[in-house]
Amino acid sequence: MNQAIQFPDREEWNAEHDAICFPALVNGIILTCAISAEALYQRFGQGEALALFSAHRWDIEEEAEAAILNESYDDQEWVWLASAR
């Protein structure tokens, strides 16, 4: 894992976006990463969204790290992880 990117254990459900949002600390700057409930269900099956996130945290954070390194931000500077490919 890139030491310049850290993922504090502060994920939360965001009802407005129907997604799990989690912070990434990148060189001292906090970015918001997110994965929709739909993407979680497509990838990992049915279940409670936070529980699915927790069970697959390492894979999700690895993908978020790659997206951050590729500067895959939306207009609000959020990093959204896509649905299953």
N, C-alpha and C. Protein backbone atom coordinates (compact mmCIF):
# COMPACT_ATOMS: atom_id res chain seq x y z
N MET A 1 0.83 -1.18 0.00
CA MET A 1 0.00 0.00 0.00
C MET A 1 0.88 1.25 0.00
N ASN A 2 0.49 2.22 -0.76
CA ASN A 2 1.19 3.50 -0.85
C ASN A 2 1.05 4.22 0.49
N GLN A 3 2.16 4.52 1.14
CA GLN A 3 2.11 5.16 2.46
C GLN A 3 1.54 6.57 2.40
N ALA A 4 1.51 7.19 1.23
CA ALA A 4 0.96 8.53 1.10
C ALA A 4 -0.56 8.51 1.08
N ILE A 5 -1.17 7.33 0.93
CA ILE A 5 -2.63 7.19 0.92
C ILE A 5 -3.02 6.29 2.07
N GLN A 6 -3.84 6.82 2.96
CA GLN A 6 -4.32 6.05 4.11
C GLN A 6 -5.84 6.11 4.14
N PHE A 7 -6.45 5.04 4.65
CA PHE A 7 -7.89 4.94 4.75
C PHE A 7 -8.30 4.75 6.21
N PRO A 8 -8.65 5.84 6.90
CA PRO A 8 -9.11 5.71 8.29
C PRO A 8 -10.41 4.89 8.33
N ASP A 9 -10.64 4.21 9.43
CA ASP A 9 -11.85 3.40 9.58
C ASP A 9 -13.03 4.29 9.97
N ARG A 10 -13.49 5.10 9.01
CA ARG A 10 -14.60 6.01 9.29
C ARG A 10 -15.63 5.95 8.17
N GLU A 11 -15.91 4.77 7.68
CA GLU A 11 -16.90 4.65 6.64
C GLU A 11 -18.30 4.89 7.23
N GLU A 12 -19.20 5.38 6.39
CA GLU A 12 -20.57 5.62 6.85
C GLU A 12 -21.54 5.50 5.69
N TRP A 13 -22.77 5.20 6.04
CA TRP A 13 -23.84 5.12 5.05
C TRP A 13 -24.31 6.53 4.74
N ASN A 14 -24.41 6.87 3.45
CA ASN A 14 -24.90 8.17 3.01
C ASN A 14 -26.20 7.92 2.25
N ALA A 15 -27.32 8.20 2.92
CA ALA A 15 -28.64 7.93 2.33
C ALA A 15 -28.90 8.79 1.09
N GLU A 16 -28.39 10.01 1.10
CA GLU A 16 -28.60 10.91 -0.05
C GLU A 16 -28.02 10.32 -1.33
N HIS A 17 -26.88 9.68 -1.22
CA HIS A 17 -26.22 9.09 -2.39
C HIS A 17 -26.44 7.58 -2.50
N ASP A 18 -27.13 6.98 -1.53
CA ASP A 18 -27.35 5.53 -1.50
C ASP A 18 -26.01 4.81 -1.66
N ALA A 19 -25.05 5.21 -0.81
CA ALA A 19 -23.68 4.72 -0.96
C ALA A 19 -22.97 4.70 0.39
N ILE A 20 -21.92 3.89 0.44
CA ILE A 20 -20.99 3.93 1.56
C ILE A 20 -19.93 4.96 1.18
N CYS A 21 -19.71 5.92 2.05
CA CYS A 21 -18.67 6.93 1.84
C CYS A 21 -17.56 6.67 2.85
N PHE A 22 -16.34 6.83 2.41
CA PHE A 22 -15.20 6.61 3.29
C PHE A 22 -14.07 7.55 2.91
N PRO A 23 -13.34 8.04 3.92
CA PRO A 23 -12.29 9.01 3.63
C PRO A 23 -10.99 8.35 3.21
N ALA A 24 -10.23 9.10 2.44
CA ALA A 24 -8.87 8.74 2.09
C ALA A 24 -8.00 9.94 2.43
N LEU A 25 -6.94 9.70 3.15
CA LEU A 25 -5.99 10.74 3.49
C LEU A 25 -4.84 10.64 2.50
N VAL A 26 -4.72 11.66 1.64
CA VAL A 26 -3.73 11.65 0.57
C VAL A 26 -2.78 12.82 0.78
N ASN A 27 -1.57 12.51 1.20
CA ASN A 27 -0.57 13.56 1.44
C ASN A 27 -1.14 14.68 2.31
N GLY A 28 -1.89 14.31 3.34
CA GLY A 28 -2.44 15.27 4.28
C GLY A 28 -3.78 15.86 3.88
N ILE A 29 -4.28 15.54 2.71
CA ILE A 29 -5.57 16.06 2.23
C ILE A 29 -6.60 14.94 2.31
N ILE A 30 -7.79 15.28 2.83
CA ILE A 30 -8.85 14.29 2.94
C ILE A 30 -9.71 14.31 1.68
N LEU A 31 -9.83 13.16 1.04
CA LEU A 31 -10.72 12.98 -0.10
C LEU A 31 -11.88 12.08 0.32
N THR A 32 -13.00 12.23 -0.33
CA THR A 32 -14.13 11.34 -0.08
C THR A 32 -14.19 10.31 -1.19
N CYS A 33 -14.23 9.05 -0.78
CA CYS A 33 -14.41 7.94 -1.70
C CYS A 33 -15.80 7.37 -1.46
N ALA A 34 -16.39 6.77 -2.47
CA ALA A 34 -17.72 6.22 -2.31
C ALA A 34 -17.92 5.02 -3.21
N ILE A 35 -18.76 4.10 -2.72
CA ILE A 35 -19.20 2.96 -3.52
C ILE A 35 -20.69 2.82 -3.27
N SER A 36 -21.46 2.77 -4.34
CA SER A 36 -22.92 2.71 -4.20
C SER A 36 -23.36 1.35 -3.67
N ALA A 37 -24.53 1.35 -3.08
CA ALA A 37 -25.11 0.09 -2.60
C ALA A 37 -25.27 -0.87 -3.78
N GLU A 38 -25.69 -0.36 -4.92
CA GLU A 38 -25.86 -1.20 -6.10
C GLU A 38 -24.55 -1.87 -6.49
N ALA A 39 -23.45 -1.11 -6.46
CA ALA A 39 -22.14 -1.68 -6.80
C ALA A 39 -21.73 -2.74 -5.79
N LEU A 40 -21.99 -2.49 -4.50
CA LEU A 40 -21.68 -3.49 -3.47
C LEU A 40 -22.45 -4.78 -3.72
N TYR A 41 -23.75 -4.65 -4.00
CA TYR A 41 -24.59 -5.84 -4.22
C TYR A 41 -24.16 -6.59 -5.47
N GLN A 42 -23.82 -5.87 -6.54
CA GLN A 42 -23.38 -6.52 -7.77
C GLN A 42 -22.09 -7.30 -7.55
N ARG A 43 -21.19 -6.74 -6.79
CA ARG A 43 -19.89 -7.35 -6.58
C ARG A 43 -19.90 -8.47 -5.56
N PHE A 44 -20.63 -8.24 -4.44
CA PHE A 44 -20.48 -9.12 -3.29
C PHE A 44 -21.76 -9.80 -2.84
N GLY A 45 -22.87 -9.62 -3.55
CA GLY A 45 -24.13 -10.26 -3.19
C GLY A 45 -24.95 -9.38 -2.24
N GLN A 46 -26.07 -9.90 -1.84
CA GLN A 46 -26.97 -9.14 -0.98
C GLN A 46 -26.49 -9.13 0.46
N GLY A 47 -26.94 -8.13 1.18
CA GLY A 47 -26.58 -8.01 2.58
C GLY A 47 -26.65 -6.55 2.99
N GLU A 48 -26.32 -6.30 4.23
CA GLU A 48 -26.32 -4.93 4.73
C GLU A 48 -25.06 -4.25 4.18
N ALA A 49 -25.23 -3.04 3.64
CA ALA A 49 -24.16 -2.38 2.90
C ALA A 49 -22.89 -2.19 3.74
N LEU A 50 -23.02 -1.72 4.97
CA LEU A 50 -21.82 -1.53 5.80
C LEU A 50 -21.12 -2.84 6.11
N ALA A 51 -21.90 -3.91 6.30
CA ALA A 51 -21.30 -5.22 6.55
C ALA A 51 -20.56 -5.72 5.31
N LEU A 52 -21.14 -5.52 4.13
CA LEU A 52 -20.46 -5.91 2.89
C LEU A 52 -19.17 -5.11 2.72
N PHE A 53 -19.23 -3.82 2.99
CA PHE A 53 -18.03 -2.99 2.90
C PHE A 53 -16.94 -3.52 3.84
N SER A 54 -17.32 -3.76 5.08
CA SER A 54 -16.34 -4.23 6.07
C SER A 54 -15.73 -5.56 5.66
N ALA A 55 -16.54 -6.46 5.13
CA ALA A 55 -16.05 -7.78 4.75
C ALA A 55 -15.09 -7.72 3.56
N HIS A 56 -15.21 -6.67 2.74
CA HIS A 56 -14.39 -6.57 1.53
C HIS A 56 -13.56 -5.29 1.51
N ARG A 57 -13.30 -4.78 2.69
CA ARG A 57 -12.60 -3.50 2.84
C ARG A 57 -11.28 -3.44 2.05
N TRP A 58 -10.45 -4.47 2.16
CA TRP A 58 -9.13 -4.42 1.53
C TRP A 58 -9.24 -4.30 0.02
N ASP A 59 -10.15 -5.05 -0.59
CA ASP A 59 -10.34 -4.98 -2.04
C ASP A 59 -10.85 -3.61 -2.45
N ILE A 60 -11.81 -3.08 -1.69
CA ILE A 60 -12.38 -1.78 -2.01
C ILE A 60 -11.34 -0.68 -1.87
N GLU A 61 -10.57 -0.72 -0.79
CA GLU A 61 -9.54 0.30 -0.59
C GLU A 61 -8.44 0.20 -1.65
N GLU A 62 -8.10 -1.00 -2.07
CA GLU A 62 -7.11 -1.17 -3.13
C GLU A 62 -7.59 -0.52 -4.43
N GLU A 63 -8.85 -0.73 -4.75
CA GLU A 63 -9.41 -0.13 -5.96
C GLU A 63 -9.47 1.40 -5.82
N ALA A 64 -9.85 1.88 -4.63
CA ALA A 64 -9.90 3.32 -4.39
C ALA A 64 -8.51 3.93 -4.53
N GLU A 65 -7.49 3.24 -4.02
CA GLU A 65 -6.11 3.72 -4.14
C GLU A 65 -5.72 3.87 -5.61
N ALA A 66 -6.06 2.88 -6.43
CA ALA A 66 -5.74 2.94 -7.86
C ALA A 66 -6.48 4.11 -8.52
N ALA A 67 -7.74 4.32 -8.15
CA ALA A 67 -8.51 5.42 -8.72
C ALA A 67 -7.92 6.77 -8.32
N ILE A 68 -7.48 6.88 -7.08
CA ILE A 68 -6.84 8.12 -6.61
C ILE A 68 -5.55 8.37 -7.38
N LEU A 69 -4.74 7.34 -7.54
CA LEU A 69 -3.48 7.50 -8.27
C LEU A 69 -3.72 7.87 -9.73
N ASN A 70 -4.87 7.44 -10.29
CA ASN A 70 -5.24 7.78 -11.67
C ASN A 70 -6.02 9.09 -11.74
N GLU A 71 -6.19 9.74 -10.58
CA GLU A 71 -6.93 11.01 -10.48
C GLU A 71 -8.33 10.89 -11.07
N SER A 72 -9.02 9.81 -10.72
CA SER A 72 -10.38 9.56 -11.20
C SER A 72 -11.40 10.19 -10.26
N TYR A 73 -11.46 11.52 -10.30
CA TYR A 73 -12.37 12.27 -9.44
C TYR A 73 -13.56 12.75 -10.25
N ASP A 74 -14.70 12.95 -9.56
CA ASP A 74 -15.84 13.57 -10.22
C ASP A 74 -15.74 15.09 -10.05
N ASP A 75 -16.79 15.81 -10.46
CA ASP A 75 -16.78 17.27 -10.39
C ASP A 75 -16.67 17.81 -8.97
N GLN A 76 -17.06 17.00 -7.99
CA GLN A 76 -16.99 17.42 -6.59
C GLN A 76 -15.74 16.90 -5.88
N GLU A 77 -14.81 16.37 -6.67
CA GLU A 77 -13.56 15.82 -6.14
C GLU A 77 -13.78 14.55 -5.31
N TRP A 78 -14.85 13.80 -5.60
CA TRP A 78 -15.10 12.51 -4.97
C TRP A 78 -14.55 11.42 -5.88
N VAL A 79 -14.15 10.31 -5.27
CA VAL A 79 -13.71 9.13 -6.01
C VAL A 79 -14.83 8.09 -5.88
N TRP A 80 -15.51 7.82 -7.00
CA TRP A 80 -16.60 6.84 -7.03
C TRP A 80 -16.08 5.55 -7.62
N LEU A 81 -16.35 4.43 -6.94
CA LEU A 81 -15.97 3.13 -7.46
C LEU A 81 -17.13 2.58 -8.28
N ALA A 82 -16.82 2.07 -9.43
CA ALA A 82 -17.84 1.65 -10.39
C ALA A 82 -18.46 0.31 -10.00
N SER A 83 -19.57 0.03 -10.64
CA SER A 83 -20.23 -1.27 -10.48
C SER A 83 -19.35 -2.34 -11.08
N ALA A 84 -19.72 -3.59 -10.84
CA ALA A 84 -18.96 -4.72 -11.37
C ALA A 84 -18.81 -4.60 -12.88
N ARG A 85 -17.66 -4.99 -13.35
CA ARG A 85 -17.37 -4.87 -14.79
C ARG A 85 -17.86 -6.06 -15.55
